[in-house]
C-alpha atoms as a PDB file:
ATOM      1  CA  MET A   1      51.091 219.377 137.241  1.00  0.00           C
ATOM      2  CA  ALA A   2      48.740 222.365 137.438  1.00  0.00           C
ATOM      3  CA  LYS A   3      45.579 222.005 139.491  1.00  0.00           C
ATOM      4  CA  LYS A   4      42.349 222.772 137.597  1.00  0.00           C
ATOM      5  CA  ALA A   5      38.754 223.557 138.546  1.00  0.00           C
ATOM      6  CA  LEU A   6      35.528 224.903 137.074  1.00  0.00           C
ATOM      7  CA  GLY A   7      33.257 227.665 138.297  1.00  0.00           C
ATOM      8  CA  ILE A   8      29.677 227.533 136.993  1.00  0.00           C
ATOM      9  CA  ASP A   9      27.123 230.319 137.348  1.00  0.00           C
ATOM     10  CA  ILE A  10      23.640 229.277 136.198  1.00  0.00           C
ATOM     11  CA  GLY A  11      21.148 232.074 135.669  1.00  0.00           C
ATOM     12  CA  ALA A  12      17.526 231.910 134.582  1.00  0.00           C
ATOM     13  CA  ALA A  13      18.471 232.413 130.923  1.00  0.00           C
ATOM     14  CA  SER A  14      22.231 231.855 130.712  1.00  0.00           C
ATOM     15  CA  ILE A  15      25.133 229.739 131.926  1.00  0.00           C
ATOM     16  CA  LYS A  16      28.653 231.063 132.497  1.00  0.00           C
ATOM     17  CA  ILE A  17      31.598 228.696 132.894  1.00  0.00           C
ATOM     18  CA  VAL A  18      35.146 229.596 133.878  1.00  0.00           C
ATOM     19  CA  GLU A  19      37.955 227.033 133.958  1.00  0.00           C
ATOM     20  CA  LEU A  20      41.070 227.980 135.918  1.00  0.00           C
ATOM     21  CA  SER A  21      44.380 226.302 136.620  1.00  0.00           C
ATOM     22  CA  ALA A  22      46.822 227.047 139.407  1.00  0.00           C
ATOM     23  CA  ALA A  23      50.548 226.487 139.662  1.00  0.00           C
ATOM     24  CA  GLY A  24      51.901 227.889 142.901  1.00  0.00           C
ATOM     25  CA  ASP A  25      50.415 231.336 143.501  1.00  0.00           C
ATOM     26  CA  LYS A  26      49.654 231.947 139.835  1.00  0.00           C
ATOM     27  CA  LYS A  27      46.199 231.317 138.403  1.00  0.00           C
ATOM     28  CA  SER A  28      45.647 230.975 134.656  1.00  0.00           C
ATOM     29  CA  LEU A  29      42.469 231.233 132.622  1.00  0.00           C
ATOM     30  CA  GLU A  30      42.088 227.962 130.727  1.00  0.00           C
ATOM     31  CA  ASN A  31      38.619 228.445 129.294  1.00  0.00           C
ATOM     32  CA  TYR A  32      35.503 230.588 129.512  1.00  0.00           C
ATOM     33  CA  LEU A  33      32.123 230.042 127.975  1.00  0.00           C
ATOM     34  CA  GLU A  34      28.686 231.659 127.995  1.00  0.00           C
ATOM     35  CA  PHE A  35      25.508 229.972 126.847  1.00  0.00           C
ATOM     36  CA  GLU A  36      22.376 232.070 126.351  1.00  0.00           C
ATOM     37  CA  LEU A  37      18.988 230.432 126.276  1.00  0.00           C
ATOM     38  CA  PRO A  38      16.771 231.297 123.296  1.00  0.00           C
ATOM     39  CA  LYS A  39      14.098 233.854 124.278  1.00  0.00           C
ATOM     40  CA  SER A  40      11.308 231.380 123.504  1.00  0.00           C
ATOM     41  CA  ALA A  41      12.758 228.596 125.673  1.00  0.00           C
ATOM     42  CA  SER A  42      11.653 227.731 129.211  1.00  0.00           C
ATOM     43  CA  PRO A  43      13.848 229.218 131.959  1.00  0.00           C
ATOM     44  CA  LEU A  44      16.639 227.148 133.482  1.00  0.00           C
ATOM     45  CA  LYS A  45      15.200 227.760 136.946  1.00  0.00           C
ATOM     46  CA  THR A  46      11.702 227.553 138.339  1.00  0.00           C
ATOM     47  CA  PHE A  47      10.199 228.959 141.511  1.00  0.00           C
ATOM     48  CA  TYR A  48       9.616 226.661 144.464  1.00  0.00           C
ATOM     49  CA  GLY A  49       8.011 228.742 147.207  1.00  0.00           C
ATOM     50  CA  ASN A  50      10.319 231.728 147.634  1.00  0.00           C
ATOM     51  CA  SER A  51      13.340 229.945 146.157  1.00  0.00           C
ATOM     52  CA  MET A  52      14.473 229.123 142.653  1.00  0.00           C
ATOM     53  CA  LEU A  53      15.288 225.525 141.763  1.00  0.00           C
ATOM     54  CA  LEU A  54      17.308 224.306 138.824  1.00  0.00           C
ATOM     55  CA  SER A  55      15.617 222.406 136.035  1.00  0.00           C
ATOM     56  CA  SER A  56      18.328 219.802 136.605  1.00  0.00           C
ATOM     57  CA  ASN A  57      17.635 217.536 133.612  1.00  0.00           C
ATOM     58  CA  ASP A  58      17.549 220.435 131.120  1.00  0.00           C
ATOM     59  CA  VAL A  59      20.658 222.071 132.569  1.00  0.00           C
ATOM     60  CA  SER A  60      22.476 218.730 132.599  1.00  0.00           C
ATOM     61  CA  ASP A  61      21.842 218.237 128.874  1.00  0.00           C
ATOM     62  CA  ILE A  62      23.102 221.746 128.117  1.00  0.00           C
ATOM     63  CA  LEU A  63      26.216 221.450 130.297  1.00  0.00           C
ATOM     64  CA  GLN A  64      27.242 218.111 128.831  1.00  0.00           C
ATOM     65  CA  ALA A  65      26.818 219.471 125.310  1.00  0.00           C
ATOM     66  CA  LEU A  66      28.898 222.545 126.190  1.00  0.00           C
ATOM     67  CA  PHE A  67      31.665 220.468 127.787  1.00  0.00           C
ATOM     68  CA  LYS A  68      31.830 218.295 124.683  1.00  0.00           C
ATOM     69  CA  LYS A  69      31.817 221.273 122.314  1.00  0.00           C
ATOM     70  CA  VAL A  70      34.775 223.087 123.927  1.00  0.00           C
ATOM     71  CA  LYS A  71      36.497 219.880 125.151  1.00  0.00           C
ATOM     72  CA  ILE A  72      36.276 220.595 128.895  1.00  0.00           C
ATOM     73  CA  GLU A  73      37.273 217.421 130.742  1.00  0.00           C
ATOM     74  CA  GLU A  74      37.729 218.812 134.264  1.00  0.00           C
ATOM     75  CA  LYS A  75      35.277 217.324 136.781  1.00  0.00           C
ATOM     76  CA  LYS A  76      35.992 219.410 139.895  1.00  0.00           C
ATOM     77  CA  VAL A  77      33.440 222.198 140.070  1.00  0.00           C
ATOM     78  CA  ALA A  78      31.974 224.901 142.295  1.00  0.00           C
ATOM     79  CA  PHE A  79      28.480 226.248 141.673  1.00  0.00           C
ATOM     80  CA  SER A  80      27.068 229.633 142.568  1.00  0.00           C
ATOM     81  CA  ILE A  81      23.659 229.711 144.242  1.00  0.00           C
ATOM     82  CA  PRO A  82      21.362 232.643 143.432  1.00  0.00           C
ATOM     83  CA  ASP A  83      21.376 235.343 146.103  1.00  0.00           C
ATOM     84  CA  PHE A  84      17.589 235.385 145.715  1.00  0.00           C
ATOM     85  CA  SER A  85      17.482 231.805 147.067  1.00  0.00           C
ATOM     86  CA  THR A  86      19.856 232.540 149.942  1.00  0.00           C
ATOM     87  CA  PHE A  87      18.961 234.120 153.268  1.00  0.00           C
ATOM     88  CA  PHE A  88      21.451 236.559 154.822  1.00  0.00           C
ATOM     89  CA  THR A  89      21.302 238.347 158.149  1.00  0.00           C
ATOM     90  CA  THR A  90      23.642 239.796 160.745  1.00  0.00           C
ATOM     91  CA  PHE A  91      23.119 240.031 164.490  1.00  0.00           C
ATOM     92  CA  ASP A  92      25.053 240.820 167.659  1.00  0.00           C
ATOM     93  CA  LEU A  93      25.608 238.488 170.573  1.00  0.00           C
ATOM     94  CA  PRO A  94      26.192 239.696 174.134  1.00  0.00           C
ATOM     95  CA  PRO A  95      29.515 238.986 175.842  1.00  0.00           C
ATOM     96  CA  MET A  96      30.110 235.253 176.321  1.00  0.00           C
ATOM     97  CA  THR A  97      32.903 232.714 176.326  1.00  0.00           C
ATOM     98  CA  GLU A  98      34.246 231.248 173.072  1.00  0.00           C
ATOM     99  CA  MET A  99      32.719 227.846 173.927  1.00  0.00           C
ATOM    100  CA  GLU A 100      29.222 229.347 174.260  1.00  0.00           C
ATOM    101  CA  ILE A 101      29.214 231.012 170.828  1.00  0.00           C
ATOM    102  CA  PRO A 102      28.179 228.066 168.540  1.00  0.00           C
ATOM    103  CA  ARG A 103      25.182 227.141 170.712  1.00  0.00           C
ATOM    104  CA  ALA A 104      24.120 230.789 171.021  1.00  0.00           C
ATOM    105  CA  ILE A 105      24.262 231.216 167.231  1.00  0.00           C
ATOM    106  CA  GLU A 106      22.135 228.122 166.640  1.00  0.00           C
ATOM    107  CA  PHE A 107      19.579 229.449 169.128  1.00  0.00           C
ATOM    108  CA  GLU A 108      19.492 232.853 167.395  1.00  0.00           C
ATOM    109  CA  ALA A 109      19.244 231.223 163.968  1.00  0.00           C
ATOM    110  CA  ARG A 110      15.792 229.870 164.870  1.00  0.00           C
ATOM    111  CA  HIS A 111      14.566 233.455 165.299  1.00  0.00           C
ATOM    112  CA  HIS A 112      16.162 234.873 162.143  1.00  0.00           C
ATOM    113  CA  ILE A 113      15.676 232.171 159.481  1.00  0.00           C
ATOM    114  CA  PRO A 114      12.118 232.234 158.072  1.00  0.00           C
ATOM    115  CA  LEU A 115      12.029 228.443 157.604  1.00  0.00           C
ATOM    116  CA  PRO A 116      12.344 225.531 160.038  1.00  0.00           C
ATOM    117  CA  LEU A 117      16.023 224.705 160.587  1.00  0.00           C
ATOM    118  CA  SER A 118      15.285 221.165 159.389  1.00  0.00           C
ATOM    119  CA  GLU A 119      14.536 222.600 155.917  1.00  0.00           C
ATOM    120  CA  VAL A 120      17.771 224.578 155.481  1.00  0.00           C
ATOM    121  CA  VAL A 121      21.514 224.303 155.670  1.00  0.00           C
ATOM    122  CA  PHE A 122      22.998 227.274 157.462  1.00  0.00           C
ATOM    123  CA  ASP A 123      26.503 228.514 158.096  1.00  0.00           C
ATOM    124  CA  TRP A 124      27.911 231.483 159.929  1.00  0.00           C
ATOM    125  CA  GLN A 125      31.038 233.517 160.364  1.00  0.00           C
ATOM    126  CA  ILE A 126      32.146 236.111 162.887  1.00  0.00           C
ATOM    127  CA  ILE A 127      32.608 239.461 161.140  1.00  0.00           C
ATOM    128  CA  GLU A 128      33.425 241.542 164.223  1.00  0.00           C
ATOM    129  CA  LYS A 129      34.907 240.528 167.560  1.00  0.00           C
ATOM    130  CA  GLU A 130      35.601 242.636 170.627  1.00  0.00           C
ATOM    131  CA  GLN A 131      37.204 241.381 173.813  1.00  0.00           C
ATOM    132  CA  VAL A 132      35.210 242.674 176.771  1.00  0.00           C
ATOM    133  CA  SER A 133      34.589 241.589 180.334  1.00  0.00           C
ATOM    134  CA  PRO A 134      33.434 238.889 181.025  1.00  0.00           C
ATOM    135  CA  GLY A 135      33.955 237.427 177.551  1.00  0.00           C
ATOM    136  CA  VAL A 136      33.744 238.192 173.833  1.00  0.00           C
ATOM    137  CA  LYS A 137      31.201 240.464 172.117  1.00  0.00           C
ATOM    138  CA  ILE A 138      30.680 239.475 168.481  1.00  0.00           C
ATOM    139  CA  LYS A 139      28.757 240.313 165.332  1.00  0.00           C
ATOM    140  CA  VAL A 140      27.708 237.302 163.256  1.00  0.00           C
ATOM    141  CA  LEU A 141      26.874 236.863 159.581  1.00  0.00           C
ATOM    142  CA  LEU A 142      24.345 234.051 159.148  1.00  0.00           C
ATOM    143  CA  VAL A 143      23.707 232.435 155.749  1.00  0.00           C
ATOM    144  CA  ALA A 144      20.997 229.845 155.090  1.00  0.00           C
ATOM    145  CA  VAL A 145      20.015 227.935 151.927  1.00  0.00           C
ATOM    146  CA  PRO A 146      16.913 225.727 151.573  1.00  0.00           C
ATOM    147  CA  ASN A 147      17.674 222.011 151.307  1.00  0.00           C
ATOM    148  CA  LYS A 148      15.612 221.823 148.089  1.00  0.00           C
ATOM    149  CA  VAL A 149      17.931 224.331 146.407  1.00  0.00           C
ATOM    150  CA  LEU A 150      21.086 222.433 147.397  1.00  0.00           C
ATOM    151  CA  GLU A 151      19.547 219.132 146.302  1.00  0.00           C
ATOM    152  CA  SER A 152      18.867 220.488 142.817  1.00  0.00           C
ATOM    153  CA  TYR A 153      22.597 221.293 142.370  1.00  0.00           C
ATOM    154  CA  GLN A 154      23.658 217.936 143.801  1.00  0.00           C
ATOM    155  CA  ARG A 155      21.322 216.200 141.345  1.00  0.00           C
ATOM    156  CA  LEU A 156      22.773 218.243 138.475  1.00  0.00           C
ATOM    157  CA  ALA A 157      26.328 217.299 139.447  1.00  0.00           C
ATOM    158  CA  ALA A 158      25.393 213.615 139.616  1.00  0.00           C
ATOM    159  CA  LEU A 159      23.758 213.748 136.173  1.00  0.00           C
ATOM    160  CA  CYS A 160      26.895 215.380 134.702  1.00  0.00           C
ATOM    161  CA  GLY A 161      29.399 213.221 136.590  1.00  0.00           C
ATOM    162  CA  LEU A 162      30.896 216.263 138.336  1.00  0.00           C
ATOM    163  CA  GLU A 163      32.614 216.428 141.724  1.00  0.00           C
ATOM    164  CA  ILE A 164      31.278 219.359 143.759  1.00  0.00           C
ATOM    165  CA  LYS A 165      34.087 221.247 145.516  1.00  0.00           C
ATOM    166  CA  GLY A 166      31.820 223.995 146.767  1.00  0.00           C
ATOM    167  CA  LEU A 167      28.398 225.654 146.672  1.00  0.00           C
ATOM    168  CA  GLU A 168      28.098 229.280 147.670  1.00  0.00           C
ATOM    169  CA  ALA A 169      25.859 232.303 147.218  1.00  0.00           C
ATOM    170  CA  GLU A 170      26.681 234.441 144.192  1.00  0.00           C
ATOM    171  CA  VAL A 171      27.717 237.386 146.343  1.00  0.00           C
ATOM    172  CA  PHE A 172      30.666 235.492 147.849  1.00  0.00           C
ATOM    173  CA  GLY A 173      32.017 234.610 144.410  1.00  0.00           C
ATOM    174  CA  LEU A 174      31.556 238.224 143.344  1.00  0.00           C
ATOM    175  CA  ILE A 175      33.459 239.545 146.360  1.00  0.00           C
ATOM    176  CA  ARG A 176      36.297 237.068 145.813  1.00  0.00           C
ATOM    177  CA  SER A 177      36.835 238.101 142.175  1.00  0.00           C
ATOM    178  CA  SER A 178      36.051 241.816 142.476  1.00  0.00           C
ATOM    179  CA  VAL A 179      37.395 243.102 145.793  1.00  0.00           C
ATOM    180  CA  ALA A 180      41.161 242.672 145.558  1.00  0.00           C
ATOM    181  CA  PRO A 181      42.974 242.582 148.921  1.00  0.00           C
ATOM    182  CA  GLY A 182      44.611 245.930 149.701  1.00  0.00           C
ATOM    183  CA  LYS A 183      43.056 247.704 146.708  1.00  0.00           C
ATOM    184  CA  HIS A 184      40.128 249.317 148.518  1.00  0.00           C
ATOM    185  CA  TYR A 185      40.390 251.280 151.733  1.00  0.00           C
ATOM    186  CA  GLY A 186      37.219 250.931 153.746  1.00  0.00           C
ATOM    187  CA  PRO A 187      33.933 249.266 152.802  1.00  0.00           C
ATOM    188  CA  VAL A 188      32.900 248.698 149.166  1.00  0.00           C
ATOM    189  CA  CYS A 189      29.393 248.523 147.675  1.00  0.00           C
ATOM    190  CA  LEU A 190      28.843 245.868 145.005  1.00  0.00           C
ATOM    191  CA  VAL A 191      25.852 246.195 142.668  1.00  0.00           C
ATOM    192  CA  ASP A 192      25.225 242.955 140.763  1.00  0.00           C
ATOM    193  CA  ILE A 193      22.573 243.549 138.075  1.00  0.00           C
ATOM    194  CA  GLY A 194      21.296 240.262 136.724  1.00  0.00           C
ATOM    195  CA  TRP A 195      18.625 239.412 134.147  1.00  0.00           C
ATOM    196  CA  GLN A 196      15.988 238.673 136.818  1.00  0.00           C
ATOM    197  CA  SER A 197      17.128 240.523 139.945  1.00  0.00           C
ATOM    198  CA  THR A 198      19.760 242.783 141.457  1.00  0.00           C
ATOM    199  CA  THR A 199      21.766 242.278 144.642  1.00  0.00           C
ATOM    200  CA  VAL A 200      23.334 245.209 146.465  1.00  0.00           C
ATOM    201  CA  SER A 201      25.983 244.170 148.973  1.00  0.00           C
ATOM    202  CA  ILE A 202      28.589 245.822 151.147  1.00  0.00           C
ATOM    203  CA  ALA A 203      31.911 244.160 151.874  1.00  0.00           C
ATOM    204  CA  ASP A 204      34.649 245.380 154.196  1.00  0.00           C
ATOM    205  CA  LYS A 205      38.133 243.872 153.976  1.00  0.00           C
ATOM    206  CA  GLY A 206      36.666 241.175 151.741  1.00  0.00           C
ATOM    207  CA  VAL A 207      34.010 240.161 154.298  1.00  0.00           C
ATOM    208  CA  LEU A 208      30.293 240.498 153.524  1.00  0.00           C
ATOM    209  CA  GLN A 209      28.531 242.915 155.881  1.00  0.00           C
ATOM    210  CA  VAL A 210      25.139 243.584 154.261  1.00  0.00           C
ATOM    211  CA  SER A 211      23.272 242.079 151.300  1.00  0.00           C
ATOM    212  CA  HIS A 212      19.848 242.903 149.834  1.00  0.00           C
ATOM    213  CA  SER A 213      18.206 241.437 146.715  1.00  0.00           C
ATOM    214  CA  PHE A 214      15.281 243.038 144.871  1.00  0.00           C
ATOM    215  CA  ASP A 215      13.555 242.809 141.511  1.00  0.00           C
ATOM    216  CA  PHE A 216      15.319 245.531 139.515  1.00  0.00           C
ATOM    217  CA  SER A 217      16.866 243.690 136.557  1.00  0.00           C
ATOM    218  CA  GLY A 218      18.289 243.828 133.059  1.00  0.00           C
ATOM    219  CA  GLY A 219      15.212 241.966 131.837  1.00  0.00           C
ATOM    220  CA  GLY A 220      13.012 244.510 133.601  1.00  0.00           C
ATOM    221  CA  LEU A 221      14.720 247.368 131.772  1.00  0.00           C
ATOM    222  CA  THR A 222      14.022 245.671 128.466  1.00  0.00           C
ATOM    223  CA  LYS A 223      10.354 245.073 129.347  1.00  0.00           C
ATOM    224  CA  SER A 224       9.915 248.708 130.466  1.00  0.00           C
ATOM    225  CA  LEU A 225      11.253 249.926 127.122  1.00  0.00           C
ATOM    226  CA  SER A 226       9.110 247.457 125.213  1.00  0.00           C
ATOM    227  CA  THR A 227       5.918 248.465 127.036  1.00  0.00           C
ATOM    228  CA  ALA A 228       6.491 252.225 126.973  1.00  0.00           C
ATOM    229  CA  LEU A 229       7.598 252.425 123.336  1.00  0.00           C
ATOM    230  CA  LYS A 230       5.136 249.749 122.144  1.00  0.00           C
ATOM    231  CA  ILE A 231       7.864 247.708 120.468  1.00  0.00           C
ATOM    232  CA  SER A 232       8.907 244.060 120.743  1.00  0.00           C
ATOM    233  CA  GLU A 233      11.241 242.967 123.512  1.00  0.00           C
ATOM    234  CA  GLU A 234      13.847 242.056 120.873  1.00  0.00           C
ATOM    235  CA  GLN A 235      13.758 245.640 119.543  1.00  0.00           C
ATOM    236  CA  ALA A 236      13.849 247.028 123.089  1.00  0.00           C
ATOM    237  CA  GLU A 237      16.857 244.878 123.978  1.00  0.00           C
ATOM    238  CA  ASP A 238      18.660 246.095 120.860  1.00  0.00           C
ATOM    239  CA  ILE A 239      18.017 249.764 121.760  1.00  0.00           C
ATOM    240  CA  LYS A 240      19.131 249.157 125.344  1.00  0.00           C
ATOM    241  CA  ILE A 241      22.396 247.537 124.270  1.00  0.00           C
ATOM    242  CA  ARG A 242      23.216 250.013 121.476  1.00  0.00           C
ATOM    243  CA  GLN A 243      22.187 253.218 123.218  1.00  0.00           C
ATOM    244  CA  GLY A 244      22.057 252.663 126.964  1.00  0.00           C
ATOM    245  CA  LEU A 245      21.604 255.981 128.754  1.00  0.00           C
ATOM    246  CA  GLY A 246      22.753 257.932 125.691  1.00  0.00           C
ATOM    247  CA  SER A 247      20.521 260.403 123.857  1.00  0.00           C
ATOM    248  CA  GLY A 248      20.192 258.681 120.473  1.00  0.00           C
ATOM    249  CA  ASN A 249      16.552 257.975 121.277  1.00  0.00           C
ATOM    250  CA  GLN A 250      15.584 260.481 123.960  1.00  0.00           C
ATOM    251  CA  SER A 251      12.348 258.690 124.831  1.00  0.00           C
ATOM    252  CA  ALA A 252      14.246 255.463 125.443  1.00  0.00           C
ATOM    253  CA  ALA A 253      16.932 257.273 127.449  1.00  0.00           C
ATOM    254  CA  ASP A 254      14.293 258.909 129.669  1.00  0.00           C
ATOM    255  CA  ILE A 255      12.637 255.551 130.362  1.00  0.00           C
ATOM    256  CA  LEU A 256      15.936 253.900 131.277  1.00  0.00           C
ATOM    257  CA  LEU A 257      17.054 256.866 133.406  1.00  0.00           C
ATOM    258  CA  LYS A 258      13.843 256.716 135.418  1.00  0.00           C
ATOM    259  CA  GLU A 259      14.416 253.016 136.123  1.00  0.00           C
ATOM    260  CA  VAL A 260      18.108 253.498 136.930  1.00  0.00           C
ATOM    261  CA  GLU A 261      17.286 256.332 139.326  1.00  0.00           C
ATOM    262  CA  THR A 262      15.177 253.870 141.324  1.00  0.00           C
ATOM    263  CA  LEU A 263      18.203 251.577 141.601  1.00  0.00           C
ATOM    264  CA  ALA A 264      20.544 254.444 142.509  1.00  0.00           C
ATOM    265  CA  ALA A 265      18.190 255.600 145.265  1.00  0.00           C
ATOM    266  CA  GLU A 266      18.111 252.073 146.698  1.00  0.00           C
ATOM    267  CA  VAL A 267      21.909 251.821 146.623  1.00  0.00           C
ATOM    268  CA  GLU A 268      22.161 255.216 148.338  1.00  0.00           C
ATOM    269  CA  ARG A 269      19.723 254.130 151.043  1.00  0.00           C
ATOM    270  CA  ILE A 270      21.663 250.928 151.752  1.00  0.00           C
ATOM    271  CA  CYS A 271      24.982 252.790 151.916  1.00  0.00           C
ATOM    272  CA  VAL A 272      23.606 255.476 154.248  1.00  0.00           C
ATOM    273  CA  ASN A 273      21.993 252.882 156.522  1.00  0.00           C
ATOM    274  CA  PHE A 274      25.247 250.957 156.686  1.00  0.00           C
ATOM    275  CA  ALA A 275      27.181 254.071 157.676  1.00  0.00           C
ATOM    276  CA  GLN A 276      24.632 255.197 160.263  1.00  0.00           C
ATOM    277  CA  GLN A 277      23.142 252.038 161.747  1.00  0.00           C
ATOM    278  CA  ASP A 278      25.949 249.551 161.443  1.00  0.00           C
ATOM    279  CA  GLY A 279      28.719 252.017 162.254  1.00  0.00           C
ATOM    280  CA  GLY A 280      30.478 251.023 159.069  1.00  0.00           C
ATOM    281  CA  GLY A 281      31.788 254.435 158.178  1.00  0.00           C
ATOM    282  CA  LEU A 282      31.667 256.228 154.857  1.00  0.00           C
ATOM    283  CA  LEU A 283      31.716 254.166 151.708  1.00  0.00           C
ATOM    284  CA  ASN A 284      33.575 255.607 148.723  1.00  0.00           C
ATOM    285  CA  ASP A 285      33.648 252.847 146.101  1.00  0.00           C
ATOM    286  CA  ILE A 286      30.894 251.307 143.977  1.00  0.00           C
ATOM    287  CA  ILE A 287      31.644 248.175 141.913  1.00  0.00           C
ATOM    288  CA  LEU A 288      29.167 247.270 139.160  1.00  0.00           C
ATOM    289  CA  ALA A 289      28.771 243.661 138.044  1.00  0.00           C
ATOM    290  CA  GLY A 290      26.376 241.509 136.047  1.00  0.00           C
ATOM    291  CA  GLY A 291      25.276 241.594 132.431  1.00  0.00           C
ATOM    292  CA  SER A 292      23.807 245.106 132.650  1.00  0.00           C
ATOM    293  CA  ALA A 293      26.823 246.663 134.390  1.00  0.00           C
ATOM    294  CA  THR A 294      28.208 247.733 131.005  1.00  0.00           C
ATOM    295  CA  LEU A 295      25.036 249.630 130.040  1.00  0.00           C
ATOM    296  CA  PHE A 296      26.309 252.774 128.309  1.00  0.00           C
ATOM    297  CA  GLY A 297      26.458 255.689 130.756  1.00  0.00           C
ATOM    298  CA  LEU A 298      25.535 253.649 133.844  1.00  0.00           C
ATOM    299  CA  LYS A 299      28.933 253.836 135.545  1.00  0.00           C
ATOM    300  CA  GLU A 300      29.125 257.603 134.978  1.00  0.00           C
ATOM    301  CA  TYR A 301      25.550 258.069 136.238  1.00  0.00           C
ATOM    302  CA  PHE A 302      26.306 256.225 139.468  1.00  0.00           C
ATOM    303  CA  ALA A 303      29.500 258.217 140.047  1.00  0.00           C
ATOM    304  CA  SER A 304      27.682 261.518 139.540  1.00  0.00           C
ATOM    305  CA  ARG A 305      24.458 260.610 141.354  1.00  0.00           C
ATOM    306  CA  LEU A 306      26.085 259.002 144.410  1.00  0.00           C
ATOM    307  CA  LYS A 307      29.246 261.158 144.533  1.00  0.00           C
ATOM    308  CA  LYS A 308      31.413 258.049 144.724  1.00  0.00           C
ATOM    309  CA  SER A 309      34.034 256.286 142.645  1.00  0.00           C
ATOM    310  CA  ALA A 310      32.254 253.835 140.325  1.00  0.00           C
ATOM    311  CA  GLN A 311      33.900 251.083 138.314  1.00  0.00           C
ATOM    312  CA  ILE A 312      32.968 247.939 136.430  1.00  0.00           C
ATOM    313  CA  THR A 313      34.443 244.762 137.844  1.00  0.00           C
ATOM    314  CA  ASP A 314      37.308 243.159 135.901  1.00  0.00           C
ATOM    315  CA  PRO A 315      37.683 239.633 137.362  1.00  0.00           C
ATOM    316  CA  PHE A 316      39.885 238.300 134.565  1.00  0.00           C
ATOM    317  CA  SER A 317      42.612 240.777 135.566  1.00  0.00           C
ATOM    318  CA  LEU A 318      43.428 238.353 138.407  1.00  0.00           C
ATOM    319  CA  PHE A 319      44.508 235.610 135.987  1.00  0.00           C
ATOM    320  CA  LEU A 320      47.167 234.943 133.373  1.00  0.00           C
ATOM    321  CA  TYR A 321      45.897 234.721 129.786  1.00  0.00           C
ATOM    322  CA  PRO A 322      47.135 235.533 126.241  1.00  0.00           C
ATOM    323  CA  PRO A 323      47.379 239.348 125.803  1.00  0.00           C
ATOM    324  CA  ILE A 324      45.355 239.148 122.581  1.00  0.00           C
ATOM    325  CA  LEU A 325      42.277 238.356 124.710  1.00  0.00           C
ATOM    326  CA  GLN A 326      42.547 241.434 126.943  1.00  0.00           C
ATOM    327  CA  LYS A 327      40.068 243.699 125.149  1.00  0.00           C
ATOM    328  CA  ARG A 328      37.438 240.986 124.854  1.00  0.00           C
ATOM    329  CA  LEU A 329      37.808 239.846 128.469  1.00  0.00           C
ATOM    330  CA  GLN A 330      37.463 243.403 129.751  1.00  0.00           C
ATOM    331  CA  GLU A 331      34.239 243.772 127.757  1.00  0.00           C
ATOM    332  CA  ILE A 332      32.609 240.636 129.153  1.00  0.00           C
ATOM    333  CA  GLY A 333      34.226 240.460 132.597  1.00  0.00           C
ATOM    334  CA  SER A 334      31.252 241.870 134.514  1.00  0.00           C
ATOM    335  CA  SER A 335      29.111 238.927 133.358  1.00  0.00           C
ATOM    336  CA  PHE A 336      31.694 236.363 134.477  1.00  0.00           C
ATOM    337  CA  ALA A 337      32.576 237.784 137.911  1.00  0.00           C
ATOM    338  CA  VAL A 338      30.543 235.219 139.861  1.00  0.00           C
ATOM    339  CA  ALA A 339      31.725 232.231 137.793  1.00  0.00           C
ATOM    340  CA  ALA A 340      35.334 233.383 138.142  1.00  0.00           C
ATOM    341  CA  GLY A 341      34.923 233.813 141.898  1.00  0.00           C
ATOM    342  CA  VAL A 342      33.499 230.359 142.510  1.00  0.00           C
ATOM    343  CA  ALA A 343      36.182 228.844 140.248  1.00  0.00           C
ATOM    344  CA  MET A 344      38.776 230.475 142.522  1.00  0.00           C
ATOM    345  CA  MET A 345      37.049 228.886 145.517  1.00  0.00           C
ATOM    346  CA  ALA A 346      37.112 225.456 143.847  1.00  0.00           C
ATOM    347  CA  LEU A 347      40.851 225.764 143.279  1.00  0.00           C
ATOM    348  CA  GLU A 348      41.419 226.570 146.938  1.00  0.00           C
ATOM    349  CA  THR A 349      39.275 223.690 148.236  1.00  0.00           C
END
């Protein structure tokens, strides 16, 4: 009997669900679903300090209605946690024995995490290791999530009767579904453009090295068009989707290009810093993800501006599905990359 699991990615204004099954080494796409919140509705997440918490009761009602509508019965689920609500950092430790490493990392965590350790759950992984005398020199990736954020997902799962198989930052799901083993030689830059924020990350051999989130967003592009052209946000969104960076409306194209140039400059800065400061070497590949990744002309602009190979992620290419769905899945894949990645994690747990 095939093993099944769900991956759920909850944004401020949308929910993406991917249901996968696995038989041996083969993974099949069983279901996918996107729910978009009406523009006039309250967001699915609210700010709590510097983090975003789920509106658990509202999301629970929506999820249960969606499950019923498309007849999803699977209860094993993994959720993505917004990168904005997750703290990432890397640091080096001096040579020490293997037994000393966990205690040293906990000591360092107190200096790097901007909240008391009692208010977060943190995890770490070694991303570089070098055997030296008198011990091991390592580089550590530290990830911390506020307890309040985790509790909001646990409450949601309880309300929906779901069994949580995993909770992880969006970037890890994105890496899992977008950076195929052996496909990329050297580090890869992932640019995940969401409705409320963008995360720029660098992964090497499938391992996260650097991650930065900032407030460039698909929603911000729409608001910039609306304000500059003195039109409604609905009209601005329509122009953005239909035209993108094309020249149908030159005024609109100029506004979007100015905004996109800001993003490109930030991506360039992060890539250069990685190569120079972290000794990561040159980075040749850019992978675009998120709802705005398919903005007309964006991929070509990045390739030209940054002198790198640029592509839009295609997470569904990792799974078996009816060939008739191929065109549609390629069109929407960038929006489902995180949900697909966490679904893969749930299957493996």
